Amino acid sequence: MDKVLIGEVIKPHGVQGEIKVHPLTGNPKRFKKLQEVILVRNQLQRRLKVLNAKVQESEIYLTLEGVNSRDEADKLRGWAIKVDRSEVPPLEEGWYYFELEGMQVYEGETLLGTLTRVIETGANDVYLVKGNEREVCVPALKTVVKRVDVPGRRMEVELPLGLLDGEE
């Protein structure tokens, strides 16, 4: 099952094994509803039950089953915190970045390639689309992205004039 990154362990907090977490989600309060998390570092994975979650503004503090001391919590520093994809609540509108990555991107009937990464620029996101012969940076604008079919793994775009000129 796919796993979704939601945070990273920053450091231990206190002496009872609690960890401080940097959230990588737009809604840190979601941590309060978690039953378990998957800690990941390189090829290692640990699935742990969440005993307690505190949210203080943008700071998250978790107490996990089996992590009972500051030393044990310190060993988790830098680990990624993930959840099963099925645990991610659906959005009322729009989509998550992880739902877009791997999607096939078309302009009309022409396959431009696969969306490999979402780049946050501050103004508007940009979708990096890798084709067989080139990479295209597609602006994530309503005037460009015409249709997104998440279940069908397909995006339809209408590129601005000149975007592909000189790239061949």
N, C-alpha and C. Protein backbone atom coordinates (compact mmCIF):
# COMPACT_ATOMS: atom_id res chain seq x y z
N MET A 1 0.84 -1.18 0.00
CA MET A 1 0.00 0.00 0.00
C MET A 1 0.89 1.24 0.00
N ASP A 2 0.46 2.25 -0.75
CA ASP A 2 1.22 3.50 -0.82
C ASP A 2 1.22 4.20 0.53
N LYS A 3 2.33 4.87 0.78
CA LYS A 3 2.47 5.63 2.01
C LYS A 3 2.65 7.10 1.66
N VAL A 4 2.13 7.99 2.51
CA VAL A 4 2.16 9.41 2.27
C VAL A 4 2.94 10.09 3.39
N LEU A 5 3.90 10.92 2.99
CA LEU A 5 4.72 11.67 3.94
C LEU A 5 3.90 12.78 4.57
N ILE A 6 3.87 12.82 5.93
CA ILE A 6 3.12 13.87 6.61
C ILE A 6 3.97 14.69 7.57
N GLY A 7 5.21 14.24 7.85
CA GLY A 7 6.03 14.98 8.79
C GLY A 7 7.41 14.37 8.93
N GLU A 8 8.21 15.02 9.77
CA GLU A 8 9.57 14.55 10.05
C GLU A 8 9.86 14.79 11.53
N VAL A 9 10.52 13.80 12.15
CA VAL A 9 10.89 13.93 13.56
C VAL A 9 12.02 14.93 13.67
N ILE A 10 11.82 15.97 14.49
CA ILE A 10 12.85 17.00 14.68
C ILE A 10 13.78 16.61 15.81
N LYS A 11 13.19 16.29 16.99
CA LYS A 11 14.01 16.00 18.17
C LYS A 11 13.13 15.44 19.27
N PRO A 12 13.76 14.91 20.33
CA PRO A 12 12.97 14.49 21.49
C PRO A 12 12.41 15.70 22.21
N HIS A 13 11.35 15.47 22.97
CA HIS A 13 10.76 16.54 23.76
C HIS A 13 10.51 15.97 25.15
N GLY A 14 11.19 16.50 26.13
CA GLY A 14 11.06 15.99 27.49
C GLY A 14 11.85 14.70 27.68
N VAL A 15 11.54 14.00 28.76
CA VAL A 15 12.31 12.79 29.11
C VAL A 15 11.49 11.51 29.02
N GLN A 16 10.21 11.61 28.63
CA GLN A 16 9.32 10.44 28.62
C GLN A 16 9.20 9.78 27.24
N GLY A 17 9.99 10.23 26.26
CA GLY A 17 9.95 9.61 24.94
C GLY A 17 9.11 10.35 23.92
N GLU A 18 8.55 11.49 24.29
CA GLU A 18 7.77 12.28 23.35
C GLU A 18 8.69 12.86 22.28
N ILE A 19 8.17 12.99 21.04
CA ILE A 19 8.97 13.56 19.95
C ILE A 19 8.30 14.83 19.42
N LYS A 20 9.13 15.76 18.97
CA LYS A 20 8.65 16.97 18.31
C LYS A 20 8.71 16.70 16.81
N VAL A 21 7.64 17.06 16.11
CA VAL A 21 7.50 16.75 14.69
C VAL A 21 7.31 18.02 13.88
N HIS A 22 8.00 18.09 12.75
CA HIS A 22 7.77 19.16 11.76
C HIS A 22 6.70 18.63 10.80
N PRO A 23 5.49 19.24 10.80
CA PRO A 23 4.42 18.74 9.93
C PRO A 23 4.64 19.13 8.47
N LEU A 24 4.33 18.23 7.57
CA LEU A 24 4.39 18.49 6.14
C LEU A 24 2.99 18.33 5.56
N THR A 25 2.06 19.01 6.19
CA THR A 25 0.66 18.97 5.79
C THR A 25 0.06 20.35 6.01
N GLY A 26 -0.92 20.68 5.23
CA GLY A 26 -1.57 21.97 5.38
C GLY A 26 -2.47 22.05 6.60
N ASN A 27 -2.77 20.91 7.21
CA ASN A 27 -3.66 20.88 8.36
C ASN A 27 -3.03 20.05 9.48
N PRO A 28 -2.17 20.67 10.30
CA PRO A 28 -1.49 19.92 11.37
C PRO A 28 -2.44 19.26 12.36
N LYS A 29 -3.68 19.75 12.47
CA LYS A 29 -4.63 19.15 13.41
C LYS A 29 -4.97 17.70 13.05
N ARG A 30 -4.64 17.30 11.81
CA ARG A 30 -4.88 15.91 11.40
C ARG A 30 -4.11 14.92 12.27
N PHE A 31 -3.00 15.37 12.85
CA PHE A 31 -2.19 14.49 13.69
C PHE A 31 -2.99 13.99 14.89
N LYS A 32 -3.95 14.78 15.35
CA LYS A 32 -4.74 14.39 16.52
C LYS A 32 -5.62 13.18 16.26
N LYS A 33 -5.93 12.92 15.01
CA LYS A 33 -6.82 11.81 14.65
C LYS A 33 -6.08 10.52 14.31
N LEU A 34 -4.74 10.57 14.30
CA LEU A 34 -3.97 9.40 13.89
C LEU A 34 -4.01 8.29 14.93
N GLN A 35 -4.20 7.08 14.46
CA GLN A 35 -4.15 5.90 15.32
C GLN A 35 -2.74 5.32 15.34
N GLU A 36 -2.06 5.39 14.17
CA GLU A 36 -0.69 4.89 14.05
C GLU A 36 0.04 5.66 12.96
N VAL A 37 1.37 5.58 13.04
CA VAL A 37 2.22 6.20 12.03
C VAL A 37 3.26 5.17 11.59
N ILE A 38 3.87 5.45 10.43
CA ILE A 38 4.94 4.61 9.93
C ILE A 38 6.19 5.48 9.90
N LEU A 39 7.18 5.11 10.69
CA LEU A 39 8.45 5.83 10.71
C LEU A 39 9.37 5.19 9.68
N VAL A 40 9.99 6.03 8.84
CA VAL A 40 10.79 5.52 7.74
C VAL A 40 12.14 6.22 7.72
N ARG A 41 13.19 5.43 7.58
CA ARG A 41 14.54 5.95 7.37
C ARG A 41 15.29 4.96 6.50
N ASN A 42 15.70 5.43 5.32
CA ASN A 42 16.33 4.56 4.33
C ASN A 42 15.42 3.37 4.06
N GLN A 43 15.88 2.16 4.27
CA GLN A 43 15.06 0.97 4.02
C GLN A 43 14.33 0.48 5.27
N LEU A 44 14.54 1.15 6.39
CA LEU A 44 13.90 0.73 7.64
C LEU A 44 12.52 1.35 7.78
N GLN A 45 11.58 0.55 8.29
CA GLN A 45 10.23 1.04 8.56
C GLN A 45 9.78 0.51 9.91
N ARG A 46 9.15 1.37 10.68
CA ARG A 46 8.57 0.98 11.96
C ARG A 46 7.15 1.51 12.04
N ARG A 47 6.21 0.62 12.24
CA ARG A 47 4.80 1.01 12.38
C ARG A 47 4.52 1.09 13.88
N LEU A 48 4.14 2.29 14.36
CA LEU A 48 3.94 2.49 15.79
C LEU A 48 2.57 3.12 16.07
N LYS A 49 1.97 2.68 17.15
CA LYS A 49 0.68 3.21 17.59
C LYS A 49 0.89 4.60 18.22
N VAL A 50 0.02 5.53 17.90
CA VAL A 50 0.06 6.87 18.48
C VAL A 50 -0.74 6.85 19.78
N LEU A 51 -0.06 7.11 20.89
CA LEU A 51 -0.72 7.14 22.20
C LEU A 51 -1.29 8.52 22.51
N ASN A 52 -0.58 9.57 22.06
CA ASN A 52 -1.04 10.92 22.31
C ASN A 52 -0.46 11.85 21.24
N ALA A 53 -1.25 12.84 20.85
CA ALA A 53 -0.80 13.85 19.88
C ALA A 53 -1.26 15.21 20.37
N LYS A 54 -0.30 16.14 20.48
CA LYS A 54 -0.61 17.52 20.87
C LYS A 54 -0.23 18.43 19.71
N VAL A 55 -1.12 19.35 19.41
CA VAL A 55 -0.86 20.33 18.36
C VAL A 55 -0.87 21.71 19.01
N GLN A 56 0.27 22.40 18.91
CA GLN A 56 0.38 23.75 19.45
C GLN A 56 0.85 24.67 18.32
N GLU A 57 -0.12 25.36 17.70
CA GLU A 57 0.11 26.17 16.50
C GLU A 57 0.66 25.26 15.42
N SER A 58 1.90 25.46 14.96
CA SER A 58 2.43 24.61 13.90
C SER A 58 3.37 23.54 14.44
N GLU A 59 3.40 23.36 15.77
CA GLU A 59 4.27 22.35 16.36
C GLU A 59 3.45 21.15 16.78
N ILE A 60 3.99 19.98 16.52
CA ILE A 60 3.32 18.72 16.84
C ILE A 60 4.19 17.95 17.82
N TYR A 61 3.56 17.37 18.84
CA TYR A 61 4.26 16.52 19.80
C TYR A 61 3.54 15.18 19.85
N LEU A 62 4.27 14.10 19.58
CA LEU A 62 3.68 12.77 19.56
C LEU A 62 4.28 11.89 20.65
N THR A 63 3.43 11.08 21.26
CA THR A 63 3.86 10.01 22.14
C THR A 63 3.52 8.71 21.42
N LEU A 64 4.54 7.89 21.17
CA LEU A 64 4.37 6.66 20.41
C LEU A 64 4.60 5.45 21.30
N GLU A 65 3.84 4.40 21.05
CA GLU A 65 4.00 3.16 21.81
C GLU A 65 5.40 2.60 21.60
N GLY A 66 6.07 2.24 22.69
CA GLY A 66 7.39 1.64 22.61
C GLY A 66 8.53 2.65 22.65
N VAL A 67 8.21 3.94 22.64
CA VAL A 67 9.24 4.98 22.75
C VAL A 67 9.04 5.61 24.12
N ASN A 68 9.86 5.17 25.10
CA ASN A 68 9.60 5.51 26.50
C ASN A 68 10.66 6.36 27.17
N SER A 69 11.71 6.75 26.42
CA SER A 69 12.75 7.57 27.03
C SER A 69 13.27 8.59 26.04
N ARG A 70 13.97 9.57 26.56
CA ARG A 70 14.56 10.59 25.71
C ARG A 70 15.56 9.97 24.73
N ASP A 71 16.34 8.99 25.20
CA ASP A 71 17.32 8.33 24.32
C ASP A 71 16.64 7.60 23.16
N GLU A 72 15.54 6.90 23.45
CA GLU A 72 14.81 6.21 22.39
C GLU A 72 14.23 7.22 21.40
N ALA A 73 13.71 8.32 21.90
CA ALA A 73 13.14 9.36 21.03
C ALA A 73 14.24 10.02 20.19
N ASP A 74 15.42 10.20 20.78
CA ASP A 74 16.53 10.83 20.06
C ASP A 74 16.99 9.98 18.87
N LYS A 75 16.86 8.67 18.98
CA LYS A 75 17.24 7.77 17.88
C LYS A 75 16.31 7.92 16.68
N LEU A 76 15.16 8.56 16.88
CA LEU A 76 14.20 8.76 15.78
C LEU A 76 14.39 10.10 15.07
N ARG A 77 15.32 10.91 15.54
CA ARG A 77 15.59 12.22 14.94
C ARG A 77 15.87 12.05 13.44
N GLY A 78 15.15 12.83 12.62
CA GLY A 78 15.36 12.79 11.17
C GLY A 78 14.53 11.74 10.44
N TRP A 79 13.83 10.88 11.18
CA TRP A 79 12.99 9.87 10.51
C TRP A 79 11.77 10.55 9.89
N ALA A 80 11.36 10.05 8.73
CA ALA A 80 10.13 10.52 8.09
C ALA A 80 8.93 9.88 8.78
N ILE A 81 7.85 10.63 8.84
CA ILE A 81 6.60 10.11 9.39
C ILE A 81 5.61 10.00 8.24
N LYS A 82 5.13 8.78 8.03
CA LYS A 82 4.19 8.52 6.94
C LYS A 82 2.95 7.84 7.48
N VAL A 83 1.91 7.88 6.66
CA VAL A 83 0.68 7.15 6.96
C VAL A 83 0.27 6.40 5.69
N ASP A 84 -0.55 5.38 5.87
CA ASP A 84 -1.10 4.69 4.71
C ASP A 84 -1.96 5.66 3.92
N ARG A 85 -1.92 5.55 2.63
CA ARG A 85 -2.68 6.45 1.76
C ARG A 85 -4.16 6.45 2.12
N SER A 86 -4.66 5.31 2.55
CA SER A 86 -6.08 5.20 2.91
C SER A 86 -6.43 6.06 4.13
N GLU A 87 -5.42 6.49 4.90
CA GLU A 87 -5.65 7.32 6.09
C GLU A 87 -5.75 8.81 5.75
N VAL A 88 -5.43 9.17 4.53
CA VAL A 88 -5.45 10.58 4.13
C VAL A 88 -6.88 10.98 3.80
N PRO A 89 -7.43 11.98 4.50
CA PRO A 89 -8.81 12.37 4.23
C PRO A 89 -8.95 13.00 2.85
N PRO A 90 -10.06 12.73 2.18
CA PRO A 90 -10.25 13.33 0.85
C PRO A 90 -10.42 14.85 0.98
N LEU A 91 -9.97 15.55 -0.04
CA LEU A 91 -10.14 17.00 -0.08
C LEU A 91 -11.53 17.33 -0.62
N GLU A 92 -12.10 18.42 -0.13
CA GLU A 92 -13.40 18.84 -0.65
C GLU A 92 -13.28 19.30 -2.10
N GLU A 93 -12.14 19.91 -2.42
CA GLU A 93 -11.88 20.27 -3.81
C GLU A 93 -10.38 20.23 -4.05
N GLY A 94 -10.01 19.97 -5.28
CA GLY A 94 -8.58 19.88 -5.61
C GLY A 94 -8.03 18.50 -5.36
N TRP A 95 -6.70 18.42 -5.22
CA TRP A 95 -6.02 17.14 -5.09
C TRP A 95 -4.72 17.34 -4.35
N TYR A 96 -4.21 16.25 -3.83
CA TYR A 96 -2.91 16.26 -3.16
C TYR A 96 -1.81 16.09 -4.20
N TYR A 97 -0.63 16.62 -3.89
CA TYR A 97 0.51 16.46 -4.80
C TYR A 97 0.77 15.00 -5.10
N PHE A 98 0.74 14.14 -4.06
CA PHE A 98 1.06 12.74 -4.28
C PHE A 98 0.08 12.06 -5.24
N GLU A 99 -1.11 12.62 -5.38
CA GLU A 99 -2.08 12.06 -6.31
C GLU A 99 -1.73 12.42 -7.76
N LEU A 100 -1.01 13.52 -7.94
CA LEU A 100 -0.65 13.96 -9.29
C LEU A 100 0.60 13.27 -9.82
N GLU A 101 1.55 12.98 -8.92
CA GLU A 101 2.81 12.40 -9.35
C GLU A 101 2.58 11.02 -9.95
N GLY A 102 3.16 10.81 -11.14
CA GLY A 102 2.99 9.56 -11.86
C GLY A 102 1.87 9.60 -12.89
N MET A 103 1.13 10.71 -12.91
CA MET A 103 0.00 10.88 -13.82
C MET A 103 0.51 11.12 -15.25
N GLN A 104 -0.22 10.60 -16.24
CA GLN A 104 0.11 10.84 -17.65
C GLN A 104 -0.47 12.21 -18.06
N VAL A 105 0.33 13.03 -18.73
CA VAL A 105 -0.09 14.38 -19.10
C VAL A 105 -0.21 14.46 -20.62
N TYR A 106 -1.38 14.91 -21.08
CA TYR A 106 -1.69 15.00 -22.51
C TYR A 106 -2.01 16.43 -22.89
N GLU A 107 -1.61 16.78 -24.12
CA GLU A 107 -2.11 17.99 -24.76
C GLU A 107 -2.87 17.50 -25.98
N GLY A 108 -4.18 17.62 -25.94
CA GLY A 108 -5.00 17.00 -26.97
C GLY A 108 -4.81 15.49 -26.89
N GLU A 109 -4.45 14.87 -28.02
CA GLU A 109 -4.20 13.42 -28.03
C GLU A 109 -2.72 13.09 -27.89
N THR A 110 -1.88 14.13 -27.75
CA THR A 110 -0.43 13.93 -27.66
C THR A 110 0.01 13.74 -26.23
N LEU A 111 0.67 12.61 -25.96
CA LEU A 111 1.22 12.35 -24.63
C LEU A 111 2.49 13.16 -24.46
N LEU A 112 2.48 14.10 -23.50
CA LEU A 112 3.68 14.90 -23.23
C LEU A 112 4.65 14.13 -22.34
N GLY A 113 4.12 13.28 -21.47
CA GLY A 113 4.97 12.51 -20.58
C GLY A 113 4.29 12.27 -19.24
N THR A 114 5.12 11.96 -18.24
CA THR A 114 4.65 11.64 -16.91
C THR A 114 4.97 12.77 -15.95
N LEU A 115 4.01 13.18 -15.15
CA LEU A 115 4.24 14.21 -14.14
C LEU A 115 5.10 13.57 -13.05
N THR A 116 6.33 14.06 -12.92
CA THR A 116 7.28 13.45 -11.98
C THR A 116 7.43 14.22 -10.69
N ARG A 117 7.10 15.51 -10.73
CA ARG A 117 7.31 16.31 -9.53
C ARG A 117 6.47 17.57 -9.58
N VAL A 118 6.01 18.00 -8.40
CA VAL A 118 5.33 19.28 -8.26
C VAL A 118 6.33 20.23 -7.61
N ILE A 119 6.58 21.35 -8.27
CA ILE A 119 7.53 22.34 -7.76
C ILE A 119 6.74 23.54 -7.26
N GLU A 120 6.94 23.87 -5.98
CA GLU A 120 6.28 25.03 -5.39
C GLU A 120 7.16 26.25 -5.64
N THR A 121 6.60 27.26 -6.32
CA THR A 121 7.39 28.45 -6.66
C THR A 121 7.01 29.67 -5.85
N GLY A 122 5.90 29.62 -5.17
CA GLY A 122 5.42 30.79 -4.43
C GLY A 122 4.28 31.45 -5.17
N ALA A 123 4.46 31.72 -6.46
CA ALA A 123 3.38 32.33 -7.24
C ALA A 123 2.36 31.26 -7.61
N ASN A 124 2.77 30.30 -8.40
CA ASN A 124 1.93 29.15 -8.74
C ASN A 124 2.83 27.93 -8.83
N ASP A 125 2.26 26.77 -8.57
CA ASP A 125 3.03 25.55 -8.68
C ASP A 125 3.37 25.29 -10.14
N VAL A 126 4.39 24.47 -10.34
CA VAL A 126 4.80 24.05 -11.68
C VAL A 126 4.89 22.52 -11.66
N TYR A 127 4.34 21.90 -12.69
CA TYR A 127 4.40 20.44 -12.81
C TYR A 127 5.53 20.07 -13.75
N LEU A 128 6.48 19.28 -13.26
CA LEU A 128 7.59 18.81 -14.10
C LEU A 128 7.12 17.54 -14.79
N VAL A 129 7.06 17.60 -16.12
CA VAL A 129 6.58 16.48 -16.92
C VAL A 129 7.75 15.96 -17.77
N LYS A 130 8.08 14.68 -17.57
CA LYS A 130 9.18 14.07 -18.32
C LYS A 130 8.62 13.19 -19.42
N GLY A 131 9.04 13.54 -20.65
CA GLY A 131 8.67 12.73 -21.80
C GLY A 131 9.89 11.96 -22.27
N ASN A 132 9.77 11.26 -23.39
CA ASN A 132 10.89 10.48 -23.92
C ASN A 132 12.04 11.37 -24.37
N GLU A 133 11.71 12.53 -24.93
CA GLU A 133 12.74 13.37 -25.52
C GLU A 133 12.98 14.69 -24.80
N ARG A 134 12.11 15.05 -23.88
CA ARG A 134 12.28 16.34 -23.21
C ARG A 134 11.51 16.39 -21.90
N GLU A 135 11.85 17.42 -21.11
CA GLU A 135 11.11 17.75 -19.90
C GLU A 135 10.37 19.04 -20.16
N VAL A 136 9.16 19.12 -19.65
CA VAL A 136 8.35 20.32 -19.81
C VAL A 136 7.91 20.78 -18.43
N CYS A 137 8.05 22.07 -18.19
CA CYS A 137 7.55 22.67 -16.95
C CYS A 137 6.18 23.27 -17.25
N VAL A 138 5.15 22.65 -16.71
CA VAL A 138 3.78 23.06 -16.99
C VAL A 138 3.28 23.91 -15.83
N PRO A 139 2.91 25.18 -16.09
CA PRO A 139 2.38 26.01 -15.01
C PRO A 139 1.05 25.45 -14.52
N ALA A 140 0.90 25.37 -13.21
CA ALA A 140 -0.34 24.84 -12.61
C ALA A 140 -1.37 25.97 -12.52
N LEU A 141 -1.90 26.33 -13.65
CA LEU A 141 -2.89 27.40 -13.75
C LEU A 141 -4.16 26.85 -14.38
N LYS A 142 -5.30 27.40 -13.99
CA LYS A 142 -6.57 26.94 -14.55
C LYS A 142 -6.63 27.16 -16.06
N THR A 143 -5.90 28.16 -16.55
CA THR A 143 -5.90 28.43 -17.99
C THR A 143 -5.07 27.39 -18.74
N VAL A 144 -4.23 26.65 -18.05
CA VAL A 144 -3.36 25.64 -18.67
C VAL A 144 -3.86 24.22 -18.38
N VAL A 145 -4.13 23.93 -17.12
CA VAL A 145 -4.59 22.59 -16.73
C VAL A 145 -6.10 22.54 -16.92
N LYS A 146 -6.52 21.81 -17.93
CA LYS A 146 -7.94 21.79 -18.31
C LYS A 146 -8.73 20.70 -17.60
N ARG A 147 -8.08 19.57 -17.31
CA ARG A 147 -8.80 18.46 -16.68
C ARG A 147 -7.83 17.58 -15.93
N VAL A 148 -8.23 17.17 -14.72
CA VAL A 148 -7.44 16.25 -13.92
C VAL A 148 -8.35 15.09 -13.52
N ASP A 149 -7.96 13.89 -13.95
CA ASP A 149 -8.70 12.68 -13.64
C ASP A 149 -7.83 11.85 -12.71
N VAL A 150 -8.01 12.06 -11.39
CA VAL A 150 -7.16 11.38 -10.40
C VAL A 150 -7.31 9.86 -10.50
N PRO A 151 -8.55 9.31 -10.47
CA PRO A 151 -8.65 7.85 -10.56
C PRO A 151 -8.09 7.29 -11.87
N GLY A 152 -8.28 8.03 -12.97
CA GLY A 152 -7.79 7.59 -14.28
C GLY A 152 -6.32 7.89 -14.52
N ARG A 153 -5.68 8.62 -13.59
CA ARG A 153 -4.25 8.95 -13.66
C ARG A 153 -3.91 9.73 -14.93
N ARG A 154 -4.79 10.69 -15.29
CA ARG A 154 -4.61 11.45 -16.53
C ARG A 154 -4.86 12.93 -16.29
N MET A 155 -3.99 13.77 -16.88
CA MET A 155 -4.15 15.22 -16.84
C MET A 155 -4.15 15.72 -18.28
N GLU A 156 -5.07 16.64 -18.56
CA GLU A 156 -5.13 17.25 -19.88
C GLU A 156 -4.78 18.72 -19.74
N VAL A 157 -3.86 19.19 -20.59
CA VAL A 157 -3.39 20.57 -20.52
C VAL A 157 -3.50 21.23 -21.89
N GLU A 158 -3.50 22.55 -21.87
CA GLU A 158 -3.41 23.37 -23.08
C GLU A 158 -2.26 24.33 -22.84
N LEU A 159 -1.09 23.99 -23.41
CA LEU A 159 0.13 24.76 -23.14
C LEU A 159 0.07 26.14 -23.78
N PRO A 160 0.62 27.15 -23.10
CA PRO A 160 0.71 28.48 -23.70
C PRO A 160 1.55 28.44 -24.96
N LEU A 161 1.21 29.28 -25.92
CA LEU A 161 1.98 29.35 -27.16
C LEU A 161 3.45 29.65 -26.86
N GLY A 162 4.32 28.92 -27.54
CA GLY A 162 5.75 29.16 -27.38
C GLY A 162 6.41 28.38 -26.25
N LEU A 163 5.65 27.70 -25.42
CA LEU A 163 6.26 26.99 -24.29
C LEU A 163 7.19 25.87 -24.76
N LEU A 164 6.83 25.21 -25.84
CA LEU A 164 7.68 24.11 -26.34
C LEU A 164 8.68 24.57 -27.40
N ASP A 165 8.57 25.81 -27.86
CA ASP A 165 9.49 26.29 -28.91
C ASP A 165 10.92 26.28 -28.42
N GLY A 166 11.81 25.83 -29.27
CA GLY A 166 13.23 25.87 -28.96
C GLY A 166 13.70 24.79 -28.01
N GLU A 167 12.81 23.88 -27.61
CA GLU A 167 13.21 22.84 -26.67
C GLU A 167 13.54 21.54 -27.37
N GLU A 168 13.29 21.46 -28.66
CA GLU A 168 13.49 20.17 -29.35
C GLU A 168 14.92 20.01 -29.80
